[in-house]
Amino acid sequence: QLHLVESGGGLVQPGGSLRLSCAASGFTVDEYAIGWFRQAPGKDREGVSCIDVDNRGRYYPDSLKGRFTISRDNAKNTVYLQMNSLQPEDTAVYYCATRDLAWYRCSDYDGAFGSWGQGTRVTVSS
């Protein structure tokens, strides 16, 4: 069973930083694409970033690439999302998710991911 647990959310002032963690169990993160999604109040869930099996990071939209960085620690079986220069519009619940099958590539479509964490809330406010 593929299991994910997010952590690292919280309240941060505009311009601040947070690092979200996605700890995996039941599988190894270097064999599955892991995505980060977020859902702001009253909005649909949207893709934020994803890391492929080949360790290549993808960002949706591209404008996040300068502020967000996705990375993976195989030894800790954990994927991270470093978020810098946070803005109020980044306020959302952030989820990590994995494709159901090993070696499947990243997608910005949440329907392509079968296993999800419980989410961690990020609030950007002064």
Foldseek 3Di string as FASTA:
>chain_A
DKAWAKDWADEAAQQAKIKMKIAIPPDFPLFWKKWKWWDDPPGDIWTAWIAASVRDIDGVPPVQVVFWDWGADRVRSMIMIIGGRDDQVVWTWMKMFIAPDTRDTDDGDPVRTDYIHPTDTHGYHD
